[in-house]
Amino acid sequence: TTEIYTLSLHDALPICLRPGHTGTQPQDNSATDYSIQLDKTTVAASSPIVVKLTGAKFIGFMVQAHDGSGEPVGSFEIIASVPTAQYVNCGGVQNTVTHTSSEDKKELVLSWTPSAKLSGTVKFVATFVKDWSTYWVKVPSASVTITAAADNGEESNSEPEPSSEPEPTSESEPSSEPEPSSEPEPDRKSTRLN
């Protein structure tokens, strides 16, 4: 099985993306058959993105979203149809997903949501393990722009309604006559017969 170990840039920020395969080195990312596909490249904070890991057959993976400083951000959701995935705590709850078995995989789909306070640019990075000695670390995705939660990323086409103030009324204006009723008035000359 694949073992994962962590290194630290500093005590508060663990890096969880390198497999603990002793005696091996990662492959060059410029020569990889693996990629991270995203359904959006701009999204409002708190709105989910579909993240797809794809490429040649792989037996292991680990994926995170990184902000500009390289810190893991946001949270993943494992879709029910992905029984071979689990969360790993790499400095935050549900900010990292990895495999639970070494079954062959060609594609894996997850959902990721930025926090309500997150804005700016993030990139997804993934480790793909082809076999014990052949793996790629931090394969990057395209950049994703996270807009503020109040801005849903769509421009509004509606213009604000003009404000209207009631027209002032003057006391010298005559009051309006009451509207005539729709029922006819009784004839005053008519008498009632018994």
N, C-alpha and C. Protein backbone atom coordinates (compact mmCIF):
# COMPACT_ATOMS: atom_id res chain seq x y z
N THR A 1 0.84 -1.19 0.00
CA THR A 1 0.00 0.00 0.00
C THR A 1 0.88 1.24 0.00
N THR A 2 0.29 2.36 -0.32
CA THR A 2 1.01 3.62 -0.36
C THR A 2 0.97 4.26 1.02
N GLU A 3 2.13 4.68 1.50
CA GLU A 3 2.18 5.37 2.78
C GLU A 3 2.39 6.85 2.49
N ILE A 4 1.80 7.68 3.30
CA ILE A 4 1.94 9.12 3.15
C ILE A 4 2.68 9.65 4.37
N TYR A 5 3.63 10.53 4.13
CA TYR A 5 4.28 11.17 5.26
C TYR A 5 4.21 12.66 5.06
N THR A 6 4.46 13.41 6.12
CA THR A 6 4.37 14.86 6.00
C THR A 6 5.72 15.49 6.28
N LEU A 7 5.99 16.57 5.58
CA LEU A 7 7.14 17.42 5.82
C LEU A 7 6.58 18.74 6.28
N SER A 8 7.38 19.58 6.90
CA SER A 8 6.87 20.88 7.33
C SER A 8 7.75 22.00 6.82
N LEU A 9 7.14 23.01 6.19
CA LEU A 9 7.86 24.24 5.88
C LEU A 9 8.08 24.99 7.19
N HIS A 10 7.07 25.01 7.99
CA HIS A 10 7.12 25.48 9.37
C HIS A 10 6.08 24.66 10.11
N ASP A 11 6.10 24.68 11.42
CA ASP A 11 5.27 23.77 12.21
C ASP A 11 3.79 23.84 11.89
N ALA A 12 3.28 25.00 11.50
CA ALA A 12 1.83 25.15 11.30
C ALA A 12 1.36 24.68 9.92
N LEU A 13 2.27 24.45 8.99
CA LEU A 13 1.84 24.14 7.63
C LEU A 13 2.45 22.84 7.13
N PRO A 14 1.77 21.71 7.35
CA PRO A 14 2.30 20.44 6.84
C PRO A 14 2.07 20.31 5.33
N ILE A 15 2.96 19.63 4.69
CA ILE A 15 2.81 19.32 3.27
C ILE A 15 2.52 17.84 3.19
N CYS A 16 1.41 17.49 2.60
CA CYS A 16 0.96 16.09 2.62
C CYS A 16 0.95 15.45 1.23
N LEU A 17 1.63 15.99 0.29
CA LEU A 17 1.45 15.53 -1.08
C LEU A 17 2.50 14.54 -1.58
N ARG A 18 3.51 14.23 -0.80
CA ARG A 18 4.55 13.32 -1.28
C ARG A 18 4.42 11.95 -0.66
N PRO A 19 4.33 10.90 -1.49
CA PRO A 19 4.24 9.54 -0.94
C PRO A 19 5.53 9.16 -0.22
N GLY A 20 5.42 8.34 0.78
CA GLY A 20 6.60 7.88 1.52
C GLY A 20 7.18 6.62 0.91
N HIS A 21 7.46 6.66 -0.37
CA HIS A 21 8.03 5.50 -1.07
C HIS A 21 9.55 5.60 -0.99
N THR A 22 10.13 4.91 -0.03
CA THR A 22 11.57 5.00 0.20
C THR A 22 12.35 4.59 -1.04
N GLY A 23 13.45 5.31 -1.25
CA GLY A 23 14.34 5.01 -2.37
C GLY A 23 13.82 5.48 -3.72
N THR A 24 12.82 6.33 -3.74
CA THR A 24 12.25 6.81 -5.01
C THR A 24 12.22 8.34 -5.04
N GLN A 25 12.13 8.87 -6.24
CA GLN A 25 12.01 10.30 -6.45
C GLN A 25 10.83 10.57 -7.38
N PRO A 26 10.14 11.72 -7.21
CA PRO A 26 9.03 12.03 -8.10
C PRO A 26 9.50 12.27 -9.54
N GLN A 27 8.59 12.07 -10.45
CA GLN A 27 8.86 12.30 -11.87
C GLN A 27 8.75 13.80 -12.18
N ASP A 28 9.22 14.18 -13.36
CA ASP A 28 9.15 15.56 -13.83
C ASP A 28 7.72 15.87 -14.27
N ASN A 29 7.10 16.89 -13.68
CA ASN A 29 5.71 17.22 -14.00
C ASN A 29 5.49 17.69 -15.44
N SER A 30 6.55 18.11 -16.11
CA SER A 30 6.37 18.55 -17.51
C SER A 30 6.15 17.36 -18.44
N ALA A 31 6.41 16.15 -17.93
CA ALA A 31 6.24 14.94 -18.74
C ALA A 31 5.21 14.02 -18.10
N THR A 32 4.03 14.55 -17.79
CA THR A 32 3.00 13.73 -17.15
C THR A 32 1.80 13.54 -18.06
N ASP A 33 1.14 12.41 -17.91
CA ASP A 33 -0.10 12.12 -18.64
C ASP A 33 -1.32 12.40 -17.77
N TYR A 34 -1.12 13.05 -16.63
CA TYR A 34 -2.20 13.29 -15.69
C TYR A 34 -2.55 14.78 -15.65
N SER A 35 -3.82 15.05 -15.34
CA SER A 35 -4.23 16.45 -15.25
C SER A 35 -5.39 16.60 -14.26
N ILE A 36 -5.62 17.85 -13.90
CA ILE A 36 -6.75 18.23 -13.04
C ILE A 36 -7.65 19.10 -13.89
N GLN A 37 -8.87 18.64 -14.11
CA GLN A 37 -9.84 19.40 -14.89
C GLN A 37 -10.87 20.02 -13.95
N LEU A 38 -11.26 21.25 -14.27
CA LEU A 38 -12.21 22.00 -13.43
C LEU A 38 -13.40 22.42 -14.27
N ASP A 39 -14.59 22.45 -13.66
CA ASP A 39 -15.77 22.87 -14.42
C ASP A 39 -15.90 24.39 -14.48
N LYS A 40 -15.11 25.13 -13.67
CA LYS A 40 -15.16 26.59 -13.66
C LYS A 40 -13.77 27.13 -13.38
N THR A 41 -13.47 28.32 -13.88
CA THR A 41 -12.22 28.99 -13.52
C THR A 41 -12.48 30.27 -12.75
N THR A 42 -13.75 30.62 -12.57
CA THR A 42 -14.16 31.73 -11.70
C THR A 42 -15.36 31.26 -10.91
N VAL A 43 -15.33 31.50 -9.61
CA VAL A 43 -16.44 31.05 -8.75
C VAL A 43 -16.54 31.99 -7.56
N ALA A 44 -17.75 32.19 -7.08
CA ALA A 44 -17.97 32.99 -5.87
C ALA A 44 -17.60 32.16 -4.64
N ALA A 45 -17.11 32.83 -3.62
CA ALA A 45 -16.82 32.15 -2.36
C ALA A 45 -18.07 31.40 -1.91
N SER A 46 -17.87 30.25 -1.32
CA SER A 46 -18.94 29.35 -0.85
C SER A 46 -19.68 28.63 -1.97
N SER A 47 -19.24 28.78 -3.21
CA SER A 47 -19.87 28.06 -4.34
C SER A 47 -18.96 26.91 -4.77
N PRO A 48 -19.52 25.72 -4.99
CA PRO A 48 -18.68 24.55 -5.29
C PRO A 48 -18.13 24.54 -6.71
N ILE A 49 -17.03 23.82 -6.86
CA ILE A 49 -16.37 23.56 -8.15
C ILE A 49 -16.25 22.04 -8.27
N VAL A 50 -16.46 21.52 -9.47
CA VAL A 50 -16.22 20.10 -9.73
C VAL A 50 -14.75 19.95 -10.14
N VAL A 51 -14.05 19.04 -9.46
CA VAL A 51 -12.63 18.79 -9.69
C VAL A 51 -12.49 17.35 -10.17
N LYS A 52 -11.88 17.19 -11.36
CA LYS A 52 -11.72 15.85 -11.92
C LYS A 52 -10.24 15.54 -12.10
N LEU A 53 -9.78 14.45 -11.45
CA LEU A 53 -8.42 13.95 -11.66
C LEU A 53 -8.50 12.92 -12.77
N THR A 54 -7.67 13.08 -13.78
CA THR A 54 -7.79 12.22 -14.95
C THR A 54 -6.44 11.97 -15.60
N GLY A 55 -6.39 10.97 -16.44
CA GLY A 55 -5.17 10.65 -17.18
C GLY A 55 -5.02 9.16 -17.35
N ALA A 56 -3.77 8.74 -17.52
CA ALA A 56 -3.47 7.31 -17.63
C ALA A 56 -3.84 6.64 -16.30
N LYS A 57 -3.83 5.34 -16.30
CA LYS A 57 -4.14 4.57 -15.08
C LYS A 57 -3.26 5.04 -13.92
N PHE A 58 -3.91 5.21 -12.74
CA PHE A 58 -3.15 5.52 -11.53
C PHE A 58 -3.73 4.71 -10.37
N ILE A 59 -2.86 4.37 -9.41
CA ILE A 59 -3.31 3.57 -8.27
C ILE A 59 -3.46 4.39 -7.01
N GLY A 60 -2.84 5.57 -6.98
CA GLY A 60 -2.92 6.42 -5.81
C GLY A 60 -3.01 7.87 -6.21
N PHE A 61 -3.54 8.69 -5.30
CA PHE A 61 -3.64 10.13 -5.56
C PHE A 61 -3.75 10.87 -4.24
N MET A 62 -3.50 12.15 -4.29
CA MET A 62 -3.78 13.07 -3.19
C MET A 62 -3.97 14.43 -3.84
N VAL A 63 -4.98 15.18 -3.38
CA VAL A 63 -5.29 16.47 -4.00
C VAL A 63 -5.62 17.51 -2.94
N GLN A 64 -5.20 18.76 -3.22
CA GLN A 64 -5.47 19.91 -2.37
C GLN A 64 -5.71 21.13 -3.27
N ALA A 65 -6.29 22.18 -2.70
CA ALA A 65 -6.35 23.50 -3.34
C ALA A 65 -5.42 24.40 -2.53
N HIS A 66 -4.56 25.18 -3.21
CA HIS A 66 -3.62 26.05 -2.53
C HIS A 66 -3.90 27.51 -2.86
N ASP A 67 -3.80 28.36 -1.84
CA ASP A 67 -3.89 29.79 -2.08
C ASP A 67 -2.53 30.28 -2.58
N GLY A 68 -2.38 31.59 -2.74
CA GLY A 68 -1.14 32.16 -3.28
C GLY A 68 0.09 31.88 -2.44
N SER A 69 -0.08 31.61 -1.15
CA SER A 69 1.07 31.32 -0.29
C SER A 69 1.37 29.82 -0.22
N GLY A 70 0.59 29.01 -0.94
CA GLY A 70 0.80 27.57 -0.94
C GLY A 70 0.11 26.83 0.18
N GLU A 71 -0.75 27.54 0.92
CA GLU A 71 -1.46 26.92 2.04
C GLU A 71 -2.72 26.22 1.53
N PRO A 72 -3.03 25.01 2.03
CA PRO A 72 -4.29 24.34 1.65
C PRO A 72 -5.50 25.15 2.12
N VAL A 73 -6.47 25.31 1.22
CA VAL A 73 -7.67 26.10 1.54
C VAL A 73 -8.91 25.38 1.04
N GLY A 74 -10.07 25.82 1.54
CA GLY A 74 -11.35 25.26 1.12
C GLY A 74 -11.57 23.88 1.67
N SER A 75 -12.68 23.26 1.23
CA SER A 75 -12.98 21.90 1.69
C SER A 75 -13.55 21.07 0.55
N PHE A 76 -13.15 19.82 0.52
CA PHE A 76 -13.62 18.88 -0.48
C PHE A 76 -14.84 18.15 0.03
N GLU A 77 -15.60 17.64 -0.92
CA GLU A 77 -16.69 16.72 -0.62
C GLU A 77 -16.48 15.50 -1.49
N ILE A 78 -16.42 14.35 -0.85
CA ILE A 78 -16.28 13.10 -1.59
C ILE A 78 -17.66 12.71 -2.08
N ILE A 79 -17.79 12.58 -3.36
CA ILE A 79 -19.07 12.21 -3.96
C ILE A 79 -19.31 10.73 -3.69
N ALA A 80 -20.54 10.36 -3.42
CA ALA A 80 -20.89 8.99 -3.03
C ALA A 80 -20.37 7.94 -4.00
N SER A 81 -20.25 8.29 -5.27
CA SER A 81 -19.80 7.32 -6.27
C SER A 81 -18.29 7.11 -6.24
N VAL A 82 -17.58 7.70 -5.27
CA VAL A 82 -16.13 7.56 -5.16
C VAL A 82 -15.82 6.85 -3.83
N PRO A 83 -16.06 5.53 -3.76
CA PRO A 83 -15.86 4.83 -2.49
C PRO A 83 -14.39 4.63 -2.13
N THR A 84 -13.47 4.89 -3.05
CA THR A 84 -12.05 4.65 -2.79
C THR A 84 -11.32 5.94 -2.40
N ALA A 85 -12.03 6.89 -1.78
CA ALA A 85 -11.42 8.15 -1.38
C ALA A 85 -11.70 8.41 0.10
N GLN A 86 -10.79 9.17 0.72
CA GLN A 86 -10.96 9.55 2.12
C GLN A 86 -10.32 10.91 2.36
N TYR A 87 -10.78 11.60 3.41
CA TYR A 87 -10.20 12.88 3.80
C TYR A 87 -8.93 12.64 4.60
N VAL A 88 -8.00 13.58 4.48
CA VAL A 88 -6.78 13.58 5.28
C VAL A 88 -6.68 14.97 5.89
N ASN A 89 -6.36 15.04 7.17
CA ASN A 89 -6.22 16.34 7.82
C ASN A 89 -4.80 16.85 7.60
N CYS A 90 -4.68 17.81 6.70
CA CYS A 90 -3.38 18.44 6.44
C CYS A 90 -3.48 19.92 6.81
N GLY A 91 -3.77 20.19 8.06
CA GLY A 91 -3.88 21.56 8.52
C GLY A 91 -5.28 22.12 8.44
N GLY A 92 -6.26 21.33 8.06
CA GLY A 92 -7.64 21.78 7.97
C GLY A 92 -8.55 20.61 7.70
N VAL A 93 -9.78 20.73 8.13
CA VAL A 93 -10.74 19.65 7.97
C VAL A 93 -11.17 19.56 6.50
N GLN A 94 -11.08 18.38 5.94
CA GLN A 94 -11.51 18.08 4.57
C GLN A 94 -10.80 18.90 3.50
N ASN A 95 -9.57 19.37 3.78
CA ASN A 95 -8.86 20.14 2.77
C ASN A 95 -7.96 19.28 1.88
N THR A 96 -7.92 17.98 2.15
CA THR A 96 -7.11 17.05 1.37
C THR A 96 -7.87 15.75 1.20
N VAL A 97 -7.79 15.19 -0.01
CA VAL A 97 -8.43 13.89 -0.27
C VAL A 97 -7.36 12.96 -0.83
N THR A 98 -7.39 11.70 -0.40
CA THR A 98 -6.47 10.68 -0.90
C THR A 98 -7.23 9.38 -1.14
N HIS A 99 -6.51 8.38 -1.63
CA HIS A 99 -7.12 7.08 -1.97
C HIS A 99 -7.20 6.17 -0.75
N THR A 100 -8.08 5.19 -0.82
CA THR A 100 -8.18 4.17 0.23
C THR A 100 -7.74 2.81 -0.27
N SER A 101 -7.57 2.68 -1.59
CA SER A 101 -7.13 1.39 -2.13
C SER A 101 -6.22 1.64 -3.33
N SER A 102 -5.49 0.62 -3.71
CA SER A 102 -4.60 0.75 -4.87
C SER A 102 -5.23 0.18 -6.14
N GLU A 103 -6.56 0.16 -6.18
CA GLU A 103 -7.25 -0.24 -7.41
C GLU A 103 -6.89 0.74 -8.53
N ASP A 104 -6.87 0.23 -9.76
CA ASP A 104 -6.62 1.11 -10.90
C ASP A 104 -7.72 2.15 -11.02
N LYS A 105 -7.31 3.38 -11.31
CA LYS A 105 -8.25 4.47 -11.52
C LYS A 105 -7.84 5.21 -12.79
N LYS A 106 -8.80 5.70 -13.54
CA LYS A 106 -8.50 6.54 -14.70
C LYS A 106 -9.09 7.93 -14.53
N GLU A 107 -10.05 8.03 -13.63
CA GLU A 107 -10.73 9.29 -13.42
C GLU A 107 -11.33 9.30 -12.02
N LEU A 108 -11.33 10.46 -11.40
CA LEU A 108 -11.91 10.60 -10.08
C LEU A 108 -12.53 11.99 -10.01
N VAL A 109 -13.80 12.08 -9.58
CA VAL A 109 -14.51 13.36 -9.54
C VAL A 109 -14.85 13.70 -8.09
N LEU A 110 -14.51 14.94 -7.69
CA LEU A 110 -14.77 15.45 -6.35
C LEU A 110 -15.43 16.82 -6.47
N SER A 111 -15.95 17.29 -5.37
CA SER A 111 -16.48 18.65 -5.30
C SER A 111 -15.64 19.41 -4.28
N TRP A 112 -15.31 20.67 -4.58
CA TRP A 112 -14.53 21.51 -3.67
C TRP A 112 -15.24 22.84 -3.51
N THR A 113 -15.27 23.37 -2.29
CA THR A 113 -15.93 24.63 -2.00
C THR A 113 -14.98 25.56 -1.26
N PRO A 114 -14.79 26.79 -1.78
CA PRO A 114 -13.97 27.75 -1.04
C PRO A 114 -14.76 28.28 0.16
N SER A 115 -14.05 28.68 1.20
CA SER A 115 -14.73 29.23 2.38
C SER A 115 -15.38 30.56 2.01
N ALA A 116 -16.33 30.99 2.82
CA ALA A 116 -17.05 32.24 2.57
C ALA A 116 -16.13 33.45 2.59
N LYS A 117 -15.02 33.37 3.30
CA LYS A 117 -14.10 34.51 3.43
C LYS A 117 -12.98 34.49 2.40
N LEU A 118 -12.89 33.42 1.60
CA LEU A 118 -11.78 33.29 0.66
C LEU A 118 -12.03 34.11 -0.61
N SER A 119 -11.02 34.83 -1.06
CA SER A 119 -11.06 35.50 -2.36
C SER A 119 -9.64 35.52 -2.90
N GLY A 120 -9.52 35.72 -4.19
CA GLY A 120 -8.20 35.70 -4.82
C GLY A 120 -8.07 34.50 -5.75
N THR A 121 -6.85 34.03 -5.92
CA THR A 121 -6.57 32.95 -6.85
C THR A 121 -6.12 31.70 -6.11
N VAL A 122 -6.63 30.56 -6.54
CA VAL A 122 -6.18 29.27 -6.00
C VAL A 122 -5.79 28.36 -7.17
N LYS A 123 -4.98 27.38 -6.86
CA LYS A 123 -4.63 26.32 -7.81
C LYS A 123 -4.79 25.00 -7.09
N PHE A 124 -5.29 24.02 -7.80
CA PHE A 124 -5.34 22.66 -7.27
C PHE A 124 -4.02 22.00 -7.61
N VAL A 125 -3.53 21.18 -6.70
CA VAL A 125 -2.32 20.40 -6.94
C VAL A 125 -2.60 18.97 -6.52
N ALA A 126 -2.08 18.04 -7.30
CA ALA A 126 -2.35 16.63 -7.01
C ALA A 126 -1.10 15.79 -7.19
N THR A 127 -1.04 14.73 -6.42
CA THR A 127 -0.06 13.68 -6.60
C THR A 127 -0.77 12.53 -7.30
N PHE A 128 -0.15 12.00 -8.34
CA PHE A 128 -0.66 10.83 -9.05
C PHE A 128 0.38 9.73 -8.92
N VAL A 129 -0.03 8.55 -8.45
CA VAL A 129 0.88 7.42 -8.28
C VAL A 129 0.53 6.36 -9.33
N LYS A 130 1.46 6.13 -10.26
CA LYS A 130 1.27 5.10 -11.28
C LYS A 130 1.66 3.73 -10.72
N ASP A 131 2.78 3.66 -10.02
CA ASP A 131 3.23 2.46 -9.32
C ASP A 131 4.20 2.92 -8.23
N TRP A 132 4.74 1.98 -7.47
CA TRP A 132 5.56 2.33 -6.31
C TRP A 132 6.64 3.36 -6.62
N SER A 133 7.34 3.22 -7.71
CA SER A 133 8.48 4.10 -8.00
C SER A 133 8.17 5.18 -9.04
N THR A 134 6.96 5.20 -9.58
CA THR A 134 6.61 6.18 -10.61
C THR A 134 5.43 7.02 -10.15
N TYR A 135 5.72 8.26 -9.78
CA TYR A 135 4.66 9.15 -9.30
C TYR A 135 5.05 10.60 -9.58
N TRP A 136 4.03 11.44 -9.63
CA TRP A 136 4.19 12.88 -9.88
C TRP A 136 3.61 13.62 -8.69
N VAL A 137 4.32 14.63 -8.20
CA VAL A 137 3.89 15.39 -7.03
C VAL A 137 3.58 16.83 -7.44
N LYS A 138 2.47 17.35 -6.93
CA LYS A 138 2.05 18.74 -7.16
C LYS A 138 1.81 19.04 -8.63
N VAL A 139 1.14 18.14 -9.33
CA VAL A 139 0.70 18.43 -10.70
C VAL A 139 -0.34 19.54 -10.57
N PRO A 140 -0.13 20.70 -11.24
CA PRO A 140 -1.04 21.83 -11.03
C PRO A 140 -2.23 21.86 -11.98
N SER A 141 -3.28 22.52 -11.53
CA SER A 141 -4.45 22.79 -12.37
C SER A 141 -4.29 24.20 -12.95
N ALA A 142 -5.26 24.61 -13.73
CA ALA A 142 -5.36 26.01 -14.13
C ALA A 142 -5.70 26.81 -12.88
N SER A 143 -5.44 28.10 -12.91
CA SER A 143 -5.80 28.97 -11.79
C SER A 143 -7.30 29.17 -11.73
N VAL A 144 -7.81 29.30 -10.51
CA VAL A 144 -9.23 29.57 -10.28
C VAL A 144 -9.33 30.89 -9.52
N THR A 145 -10.17 31.79 -10.01
CA THR A 145 -10.39 33.07 -9.33
C THR A 145 -11.61 32.93 -8.43
N ILE A 146 -11.42 33.24 -7.15
CA ILE A 146 -12.51 33.20 -6.17
C ILE A 146 -12.95 34.64 -5.94
N THR A 147 -14.21 34.94 -6.22
CA THR A 147 -14.72 36.29 -6.00
C THR A 147 -15.39 36.36 -4.63
N ALA A 148 -15.54 37.56 -4.13
CA ALA A 148 -16.17 37.75 -2.82
C ALA A 148 -17.56 37.15 -2.82
N ALA A 149 -18.01 36.69 -1.68
CA ALA A 149 -19.30 36.00 -1.56
C ALA A 149 -20.46 36.85 -2.06
N ALA A 150 -20.42 38.16 -1.86
CA ALA A 150 -21.52 39.03 -2.30
C ALA A 150 -21.56 39.14 -3.82
N ASP A 151 -20.42 38.93 -4.48
CA ASP A 151 -20.34 39.01 -5.94
C ASP A 151 -20.44 37.60 -6.48
N ASN A 152 -21.49 37.28 -7.20
CA ASN A 152 -21.67 35.91 -7.67
C ASN A 152 -20.95 35.64 -8.98
N GLY A 153 -20.11 36.59 -9.43
CA GLY A 153 -19.34 36.37 -10.64
C GLY A 153 -20.09 36.73 -11.90
N GLU A 154 -21.33 37.12 -11.78
CA GLU A 154 -22.12 37.50 -12.94
C GLU A 154 -22.41 38.98 -12.85
N GLU A 155 -22.34 39.63 -14.00
CA GLU A 155 -22.67 41.05 -14.01
C GLU A 155 -24.17 41.21 -14.05
N SER A 156 -24.64 42.21 -13.36
CA SER A 156 -26.07 42.48 -13.33
C SER A 156 -26.45 43.32 -14.53
N ASN A 157 -27.52 42.95 -15.23
CA ASN A 157 -28.00 43.72 -16.37
C ASN A 157 -29.10 44.67 -15.98
N SER A 158 -29.58 44.59 -14.77
CA SER A 158 -30.69 45.44 -14.37
C SER A 158 -30.16 46.74 -13.80
N GLU A 159 -30.88 47.81 -14.08
CA GLU A 159 -30.51 49.11 -13.55
C GLU A 159 -31.36 49.35 -12.32
N PRO A 160 -30.83 50.16 -11.39
CA PRO A 160 -31.63 50.43 -10.20
C PRO A 160 -32.88 51.21 -10.56
N GLU A 161 -33.94 50.93 -9.84
CA GLU A 161 -35.21 51.63 -10.05
C GLU A 161 -35.03 53.08 -9.64
N PRO A 162 -35.54 54.03 -10.47
CA PRO A 162 -35.43 55.43 -10.05
C PRO A 162 -36.32 55.65 -8.83
N SER A 163 -35.83 56.48 -7.94
CA SER A 163 -36.64 56.74 -6.75
C SER A 163 -37.69 57.79 -7.11
N SER A 164 -38.87 57.58 -6.65
CA SER A 164 -39.93 58.56 -6.92
C SER A 164 -40.46 59.05 -5.60
N GLU A 165 -40.60 60.37 -5.54
CA GLU A 165 -41.13 60.97 -4.33
C GLU A 165 -42.57 61.35 -4.61
N PRO A 166 -43.44 61.24 -3.63
CA PRO A 166 -44.83 61.63 -3.87
C PRO A 166 -44.89 63.13 -4.17
N GLU A 167 -45.79 63.47 -5.10
CA GLU A 167 -45.93 64.88 -5.44
C GLU A 167 -46.58 65.60 -4.28
N PRO A 168 -46.09 66.81 -3.97
CA PRO A 168 -46.68 67.53 -2.85
C PRO A 168 -48.12 67.95 -3.17
N THR A 169 -48.96 67.91 -2.19
CA THR A 169 -50.35 68.35 -2.39
C THR A 169 -50.51 69.72 -1.75
N SER A 170 -51.28 70.54 -2.40
CA SER A 170 -51.48 71.87 -1.85
C SER A 170 -52.87 71.91 -1.22
N GLU A 171 -52.99 72.73 -0.20
CA GLU A 171 -54.27 72.81 0.49
C GLU A 171 -55.32 73.52 -0.34
N SER A 172 -54.89 74.28 -1.34
CA SER A 172 -55.86 75.03 -2.13
C SER A 172 -56.53 74.17 -3.20
N GLU A 173 -56.00 72.96 -3.42
CA GLU A 173 -56.62 72.11 -4.42
C GLU A 173 -57.94 71.58 -3.90
N PRO A 174 -58.97 71.56 -4.76
CA PRO A 174 -60.25 71.03 -4.29
C PRO A 174 -60.16 69.53 -4.08
N SER A 175 -60.93 69.08 -3.17
CA SER A 175 -60.93 67.65 -2.93
C SER A 175 -61.68 66.98 -4.06
N SER A 176 -61.32 65.80 -4.35
CA SER A 176 -61.95 65.11 -5.47
C SER A 176 -63.33 64.63 -5.08
N GLU A 177 -64.19 64.55 -6.09
CA GLU A 177 -65.55 64.07 -5.90
C GLU A 177 -65.51 62.58 -5.65
N PRO A 178 -66.41 62.05 -4.84
CA PRO A 178 -66.43 60.60 -4.64
C PRO A 178 -66.82 59.90 -5.93
N GLU A 179 -66.28 58.74 -6.13
CA GLU A 179 -66.58 57.94 -7.31
C GLU A 179 -68.04 57.52 -7.27
N PRO A 180 -68.72 57.55 -8.42
CA PRO A 180 -70.12 57.09 -8.42
C PRO A 180 -70.18 55.61 -8.13
N SER A 181 -71.21 55.22 -7.44
CA SER A 181 -71.36 53.83 -7.09
C SER A 181 -71.91 53.08 -8.28
N SER A 182 -71.68 51.83 -8.36
CA SER A 182 -72.15 51.05 -9.50
C SER A 182 -73.61 50.64 -9.33
N GLU A 183 -74.15 50.78 -8.13
CA GLU A 183 -75.55 50.43 -7.92
C GLU A 183 -76.41 51.68 -8.14
N PRO A 184 -77.57 51.53 -8.78
CA PRO A 184 -78.41 52.72 -9.00
C PRO A 184 -79.02 53.18 -7.69
N GLU A 185 -79.17 54.50 -7.61
CA GLU A 185 -79.79 55.05 -6.40
C GLU A 185 -81.28 54.74 -6.43
N PRO A 186 -81.92 54.49 -5.28
CA PRO A 186 -83.36 54.20 -5.27
C PRO A 186 -84.16 55.45 -5.70
N ASP A 187 -85.22 55.17 -6.37
CA ASP A 187 -86.10 56.27 -6.82
C ASP A 187 -86.89 56.76 -5.62
N ARG A 188 -86.81 58.05 -5.36
CA ARG A 188 -87.45 58.59 -4.16
C ARG A 188 -88.97 58.74 -4.34
N LYS A 189 -89.43 58.77 -5.54
CA LYS A 189 -90.87 58.95 -5.77
C LYS A 189 -91.59 57.63 -5.78
N SER A 190 -90.91 56.60 -5.84
CA SER A 190 -91.57 55.31 -5.91
C SER A 190 -92.15 54.96 -4.55
N THR A 191 -93.25 54.30 -4.58
CA THR A 191 -93.88 53.86 -3.36
C THR A 191 -93.89 52.36 -3.33
N ARG A 192 -93.97 51.93 -2.19
CA ARG A 192 -93.92 50.47 -2.03
C ARG A 192 -95.35 49.96 -1.94
N LEU A 193 -95.64 48.98 -2.70
CA LEU A 193 -96.97 48.38 -2.68
C LEU A 193 -96.89 47.10 -1.89
N ASN A 194 -97.93 46.90 -1.11
CA ASN A 194 -97.98 45.67 -0.35
C ASN A 194 -98.87 44.69 -0.95
